[in-house]
Amino acid sequence: MPGTVVFGIDVESAAEDAAGFARYAAELFSALDTPVTWYLTGKTLERYPEIFQEIERGGLIDLQAHTYNHLLLKTVLIQIPAGRVVHGSTGWFLQRGGTLPEIEEDLDRCQRVFADVLGRRATALTTPWGYYRGLGDRPDLLEIVYQQGFRVLRSFGRDARDGQPVPLAWQPFPYRVQGYPDLLEIMIHDYQDEFYWRAFAAPPDKASYVDHLKAVAQQVATGNLVWSLCSHDSGSGTREDFARTKGWFREVLHYAKGLGMQFLTATQYYQAVMAASLATEEPHVHHR
């Protein structure tokens, strides 16, 4: 099958955007019968427990974690391309990450909310903002997320300038070198959403994000690659807002399926990778 899409959406606002997104996106993905992963901040899950309990019962949408309070695990230092404005800045932009105690407390609180609301702990984690190399250069952070029970990370979401796009040539990998062969990094490819595409690529005003994503889909299908596609819950408070900001979901998903691509949740993809690994060699499971 030509290519795999692991579509992950950050549901992070803990406000009406998140509630609206949950309602309207659940309808859409159900109508399209398309598996998807939503990464919830603990604050969002805590504020709307009934909405997400109902979605959990549906089984199609994989609910996973995005920290409790959208806390960065690493500092992001963006070297902004000449002539561009990113996050209201030119030249450089800095967003600080949390301290180790702050990160441990935040992830522990997030997992407690998942246990209280959904009756289980999350096994996949999207790190806010994403980082160059993911957590590969921070074994101390890998130790924390592993101890919290996470086995899938979506933390590698920036290029060497802490910008984007992240090339499709950089494919998912286990953190084997760091001693965690059963901890899988699934990346965030290309741009994290339309707002970053416009900020970093600076396309012409009439350029279409849908056309851009269709070109990415063609590249994925041709190379039989994995595409970790990202979006967010922003601008989804009403049905009209959702149609305006997320209308591309339906068109791009139809297009990718027409190319023969398969869609998997983060959990399904992890299980497939681990099964393939076991078929070739027995992994040394890391215990601490």
Protein backbone atom coordinates (compact mmCIF):
# COMPACT_ATOMS: atom_id res chain seq x y z
CA MET A 1 0.00 0.00 0.00
CA PRO A 2 1.54 3.34 -1.02
CA GLY A 3 2.19 5.25 2.14
CA THR A 4 0.78 5.57 5.65
CA VAL A 5 -0.79 8.63 7.25
CA VAL A 6 -0.66 8.98 11.04
CA PHE A 7 -2.91 12.00 11.51
CA GLY A 8 -2.54 13.66 14.90
CA ILE A 9 -4.46 16.72 16.10
CA ASP A 10 -3.60 18.80 19.16
CA VAL A 11 -6.75 19.52 21.16
CA GLU A 12 -5.24 21.94 23.59
CA SER A 13 -7.27 25.07 24.16
CA ALA A 14 -9.37 23.94 27.17
CA ALA A 15 -12.04 26.34 25.83
CA GLU A 16 -14.86 26.45 23.29
CA ASP A 17 -12.48 25.78 20.40
CA ALA A 18 -11.72 22.38 21.93
CA ALA A 19 -15.37 21.61 22.68
CA GLY A 20 -16.49 22.65 19.20
CA PHE A 21 -13.68 20.73 17.56
CA ALA A 22 -14.53 17.61 19.53
CA ARG A 23 -18.16 17.72 18.41
CA TYR A 24 -17.70 18.57 14.74
CA ALA A 25 -14.49 16.66 14.07
CA ALA A 26 -15.91 13.53 15.68
CA GLU A 27 -18.82 13.73 13.24
CA LEU A 28 -16.46 14.20 10.30
CA PHE A 29 -14.03 11.38 11.12
CA SER A 30 -16.93 9.05 11.84
CA ALA A 31 -18.53 9.88 8.47
CA LEU A 32 -15.19 9.30 6.72
CA ASP A 33 -14.48 6.18 8.82
CA THR A 34 -10.91 7.42 9.28
CA PRO A 35 -8.76 6.56 12.31
CA VAL A 36 -7.09 9.59 13.90
CA THR A 37 -5.27 10.50 17.10
CA TRP A 38 -6.23 13.50 19.21
CA TYR A 39 -3.61 14.73 21.68
CA LEU A 40 -5.43 16.32 24.62
CA THR A 41 -3.98 18.61 27.23
CA GLY A 42 -5.00 17.44 30.67
CA LYS A 43 -6.75 20.78 31.22
CA THR A 44 -8.94 20.17 28.16
CA LEU A 45 -9.85 16.63 29.21
CA GLU A 46 -10.55 17.85 32.74
CA ARG A 47 -12.88 20.63 31.53
CA TYR A 48 -14.94 18.50 29.12
CA PRO A 49 -14.89 14.96 30.56
CA GLU A 50 -18.30 13.88 29.23
CA ILE A 51 -17.49 14.91 25.65
CA PHE A 52 -14.28 12.90 25.56
CA GLN A 53 -15.72 9.93 27.45
CA GLU A 54 -18.30 9.61 24.67
CA ILE A 55 -15.60 9.87 21.99
CA GLU A 56 -13.53 7.24 23.80
CA ARG A 57 -16.49 4.85 23.73
CA GLY A 58 -16.74 5.28 19.95
CA GLY A 59 -13.38 3.57 19.43
CA LEU A 60 -12.41 5.31 16.18
CA ILE A 61 -10.50 8.22 17.71
CA ASP A 62 -7.36 7.49 19.73
CA LEU A 63 -7.22 9.94 22.66
CA GLN A 64 -3.68 10.60 23.84
CA ALA A 65 -1.72 13.23 25.78
CA HIS A 66 -0.36 16.71 25.09
CA THR A 67 0.93 17.42 28.64
CA TYR A 68 -1.37 18.88 31.29
CA ASN A 69 -0.77 22.59 30.75
CA HIS A 70 0.90 22.73 27.32
CA LEU A 71 4.33 22.86 28.97
CA LEU A 72 7.33 22.77 26.64
CA LEU A 73 9.79 20.00 27.47
CA LYS A 74 12.65 21.74 25.64
CA THR A 75 13.45 25.36 24.82
CA VAL A 76 12.73 26.37 21.23
CA LEU A 77 15.05 28.92 19.59
CA ILE A 78 13.82 29.73 16.08
CA GLN A 79 16.17 31.24 13.54
CA ILE A 80 13.58 33.06 11.46
CA PRO A 81 14.21 33.23 7.69
CA ALA A 82 15.10 36.66 6.35
CA GLY A 83 12.06 38.74 5.54
CA ARG A 84 9.67 36.51 7.51
CA VAL A 85 7.73 37.17 10.70
CA VAL A 86 7.13 34.20 13.01
CA HIS A 87 5.28 34.57 16.31
CA GLY A 88 5.44 38.32 15.80
CA SER A 89 9.24 38.30 15.68
CA THR A 90 12.01 38.66 13.12
CA GLY A 91 15.56 37.34 13.37
CA TRP A 92 15.16 35.06 16.38
CA PHE A 93 12.37 33.85 18.64
CA LEU A 94 12.81 32.12 22.00
CA GLN A 95 10.25 30.03 23.88
CA ARG A 96 11.54 28.52 27.11
CA GLY A 97 11.01 24.94 28.17
CA GLY A 98 10.15 23.75 31.66
CA THR A 99 12.50 22.57 34.37
CA LEU A 100 12.78 18.85 35.10
CA PRO A 101 10.64 19.11 38.28
CA GLU A 102 8.00 21.13 36.38
CA ILE A 103 7.93 18.55 33.58
CA GLU A 104 7.65 15.61 35.97
CA GLU A 105 4.80 17.29 37.86
CA ASP A 106 2.97 18.28 34.67
CA LEU A 107 3.14 14.82 33.06
CA ASP A 108 2.16 13.12 36.30
CA ARG A 109 -0.87 15.42 36.62
CA CYS A 110 -1.79 14.77 32.98
CA GLN A 111 -1.71 11.00 33.52
CA ARG A 112 -3.82 11.31 36.66
CA VAL A 113 -6.49 13.18 34.69
CA PHE A 114 -6.48 10.49 31.99
CA ALA A 115 -6.89 7.83 34.66
CA ASP A 116 -9.69 9.73 36.42
CA VAL A 117 -11.66 10.62 33.27
CA LEU A 118 -10.96 7.76 30.86
CA GLY A 119 -9.97 5.01 33.28
CA ARG A 120 -6.53 4.56 31.71
CA ARG A 121 -3.21 6.30 31.28
CA ALA A 122 -2.10 7.72 27.95
CA THR A 123 0.59 5.82 26.04
CA ALA A 124 1.37 8.48 23.39
CA LEU A 125 2.59 12.02 24.00
CA THR A 126 2.85 15.01 21.70
CA THR A 127 5.26 17.54 23.16
CA PRO A 128 4.15 21.17 22.83
CA TRP A 129 5.80 23.03 19.93
CA GLY A 130 8.01 20.08 18.91
CA TYR A 131 11.82 20.15 18.76
CA TYR A 132 14.76 19.46 16.50
CA ARG A 133 15.89 15.86 17.14
CA GLY A 134 12.83 15.31 19.30
CA LEU A 135 14.08 14.17 22.71
CA GLY A 136 17.03 12.29 21.24
CA ASP A 137 19.55 14.69 22.76
CA ARG A 138 17.83 14.64 26.17
CA PRO A 139 18.05 11.20 27.78
CA ASP A 140 16.96 12.78 31.06
CA LEU A 141 13.64 13.71 29.46
CA LEU A 142 13.31 10.30 27.81
CA GLU A 143 13.67 8.74 31.25
CA ILE A 144 10.81 10.89 32.58
CA VAL A 145 8.39 10.19 29.73
CA TYR A 146 9.23 6.47 29.81
CA GLN A 147 8.59 6.25 33.54
CA GLN A 148 5.24 7.97 32.98
CA GLY A 149 4.22 5.12 30.69
CA PHE A 150 4.57 6.78 27.29
CA ARG A 151 5.75 4.55 24.45
CA VAL A 152 4.98 6.81 21.48
CA LEU A 153 6.42 10.31 21.15
CA ARG A 154 5.56 12.98 18.62
CA SER A 155 8.33 15.37 19.64
CA PHE A 156 10.54 15.71 16.53
CA GLY A 157 8.73 18.60 14.86
CA ARG A 158 11.38 21.12 13.79
CA ASP A 159 14.39 21.41 11.52
CA ALA A 160 17.95 22.38 12.48
CA ARG A 161 16.92 26.06 12.76
CA ASP A 162 14.01 25.13 15.04
CA GLY A 163 11.78 26.01 12.12
CA GLN A 164 9.86 24.04 9.53
CA PRO A 165 9.25 22.11 7.30
CA VAL A 166 10.40 18.77 8.66
CA PRO A 167 11.42 16.67 5.62
CA LEU A 168 9.61 13.45 4.84
CA ALA A 169 13.05 11.87 4.47
CA TRP A 170 13.22 11.95 8.27
CA GLN A 171 11.07 8.95 9.14
CA PRO A 172 9.85 7.53 12.49
CA PHE A 173 12.44 5.75 14.60
CA PRO A 174 12.83 4.07 18.02
CA TYR A 175 15.06 5.68 20.65
CA ARG A 176 17.29 2.62 20.53
CA VAL A 177 20.60 4.52 20.76
CA GLN A 178 19.45 6.12 24.02
CA GLY A 179 18.47 2.72 25.46
CA TYR A 180 14.72 2.76 24.73
CA PRO A 181 14.07 0.43 21.78
CA ASP A 182 10.35 0.25 22.62
CA LEU A 183 9.90 4.05 22.71
CA LEU A 184 8.93 5.21 19.20
CA GLU A 185 9.32 8.71 17.76
CA ILE A 186 6.73 9.33 15.03
CA MET A 187 7.72 12.94 14.14
CA ILE A 188 5.61 15.87 12.92
CA HIS A 189 6.26 16.18 9.20
CA ASP A 190 6.18 19.20 6.92
CA TYR A 191 4.42 22.13 8.66
CA GLN A 192 2.46 21.84 11.90
CA ASP A 193 -0.59 23.52 10.34
CA GLU A 194 -1.56 26.17 7.82
CA PHE A 195 -0.40 29.04 10.04
CA TYR A 196 3.18 27.70 10.10
CA TRP A 197 3.07 26.99 6.35
CA ARG A 198 2.21 30.62 5.73
CA ALA A 199 4.78 31.89 8.26
CA PHE A 200 7.77 29.83 7.08
CA ALA A 201 7.01 29.20 3.41
CA ALA A 202 5.52 32.66 2.74
CA PRO A 203 3.42 31.36 -0.17
CA PRO A 204 1.64 33.74 -2.56
CA ASP A 205 -1.66 35.06 -1.22
CA LYS A 206 -3.68 32.88 -3.58
CA ALA A 207 -1.72 29.71 -2.84
CA SER A 208 -3.78 26.89 -1.36
CA TYR A 209 -2.81 24.86 1.69
CA VAL A 210 -4.95 22.02 0.33
CA ASP A 211 -2.90 21.97 -2.88
CA HIS A 212 0.28 21.95 -0.81
CA LEU A 213 -0.94 18.97 1.23
CA LYS A 214 -1.98 17.12 -1.92
CA ALA A 215 1.57 17.52 -3.23
CA VAL A 216 2.88 16.11 0.07
CA ALA A 217 0.47 13.18 -0.25
CA GLN A 218 1.80 12.45 -3.73
CA GLN A 219 5.35 12.42 -2.37
CA VAL A 220 4.34 10.05 0.42
CA ALA A 221 2.55 7.69 -1.94
CA THR A 222 5.40 7.66 -4.46
CA GLY A 223 7.99 6.88 -1.80
CA ASN A 224 5.77 4.57 0.29
CA LEU A 225 6.58 6.76 3.30
CA VAL A 226 5.01 7.47 6.68
CA TRP A 227 3.43 10.92 6.95
CA SER A 228 2.84 12.23 10.45
CA LEU A 229 0.31 14.95 9.61
CA CYS A 230 -0.50 17.60 12.23
CA SER A 231 -3.30 20.05 12.92
CA HIS A 232 -4.86 21.87 15.89
CA ASP A 233 -8.25 22.61 17.41
CA SER A 234 -7.93 26.38 16.93
CA GLY A 235 -10.77 28.24 15.23
CA SER A 236 -13.36 25.51 15.80
CA GLY A 237 -15.75 26.98 18.36
CA THR A 238 -18.79 26.89 16.06
CA ARG A 239 -19.82 24.65 13.18
CA GLU A 240 -19.19 27.54 10.79
CA ASP A 241 -15.72 28.14 12.25
CA PHE A 242 -14.91 24.46 11.96
CA ALA A 243 -16.01 24.35 8.32
CA ARG A 244 -13.93 27.43 7.55
CA THR A 245 -10.70 26.39 9.31
CA LYS A 246 -10.84 22.60 9.03
CA GLY A 247 -12.64 22.19 5.73
CA TRP A 248 -9.40 20.88 4.25
CA PHE A 249 -9.65 17.70 6.34
CA ARG A 250 -12.31 16.13 4.12
CA GLU A 251 -10.66 17.05 0.81
CA VAL A 252 -7.14 15.98 1.77
CA LEU A 253 -8.27 12.72 3.38
CA HIS A 254 -10.33 11.81 0.31
CA TYR A 255 -7.35 12.61 -1.90
CA ALA A 256 -4.91 10.51 0.14
CA LYS A 257 -7.31 7.58 0.26
CA GLY A 258 -7.69 7.86 -3.51
CA LEU A 259 -3.94 7.31 -3.77
CA GLY A 260 -4.36 4.08 -1.82
CA MET A 261 -2.79 5.37 1.41
CA GLN A 262 -3.74 3.82 4.76
CA PHE A 263 -4.61 5.78 7.89
CA LEU A 264 -3.54 4.55 11.33
CA THR A 265 -3.79 5.96 14.83
CA ALA A 266 -0.57 6.45 16.79
CA THR A 267 -1.41 3.32 18.79
CA GLN A 268 -2.09 1.24 15.68
CA TYR A 269 1.12 2.40 14.04
CA TYR A 270 3.14 1.64 17.19
CA GLN A 271 1.68 -1.85 17.37
CA ALA A 272 2.54 -2.47 13.71
CA VAL A 273 6.13 -1.27 14.20
CA MET A 274 6.63 -3.34 17.34
CA ALA A 275 5.15 -6.42 15.67
CA ALA A 276 7.52 -6.00 12.72
CA SER A 277 10.43 -5.58 15.14
CA LEU A 278 9.51 -8.77 17.00
CA ALA A 279 9.27 -10.63 13.71
CA THR A 280 12.90 -9.83 12.91
CA GLU A 281 14.54 -9.75 16.32
CA GLU A 282 13.52 -9.82 19.93
CA PRO A 283 13.98 -6.27 21.25
CA HIS A 284 15.78 -5.65 24.49
CA VAL A 285 13.11 -3.93 26.57
CA HIS A 286 14.47 -1.11 28.70
CA HIS A 287 13.65 -1.28 32.40
CA ARG A 288 14.48 1.33 34.98
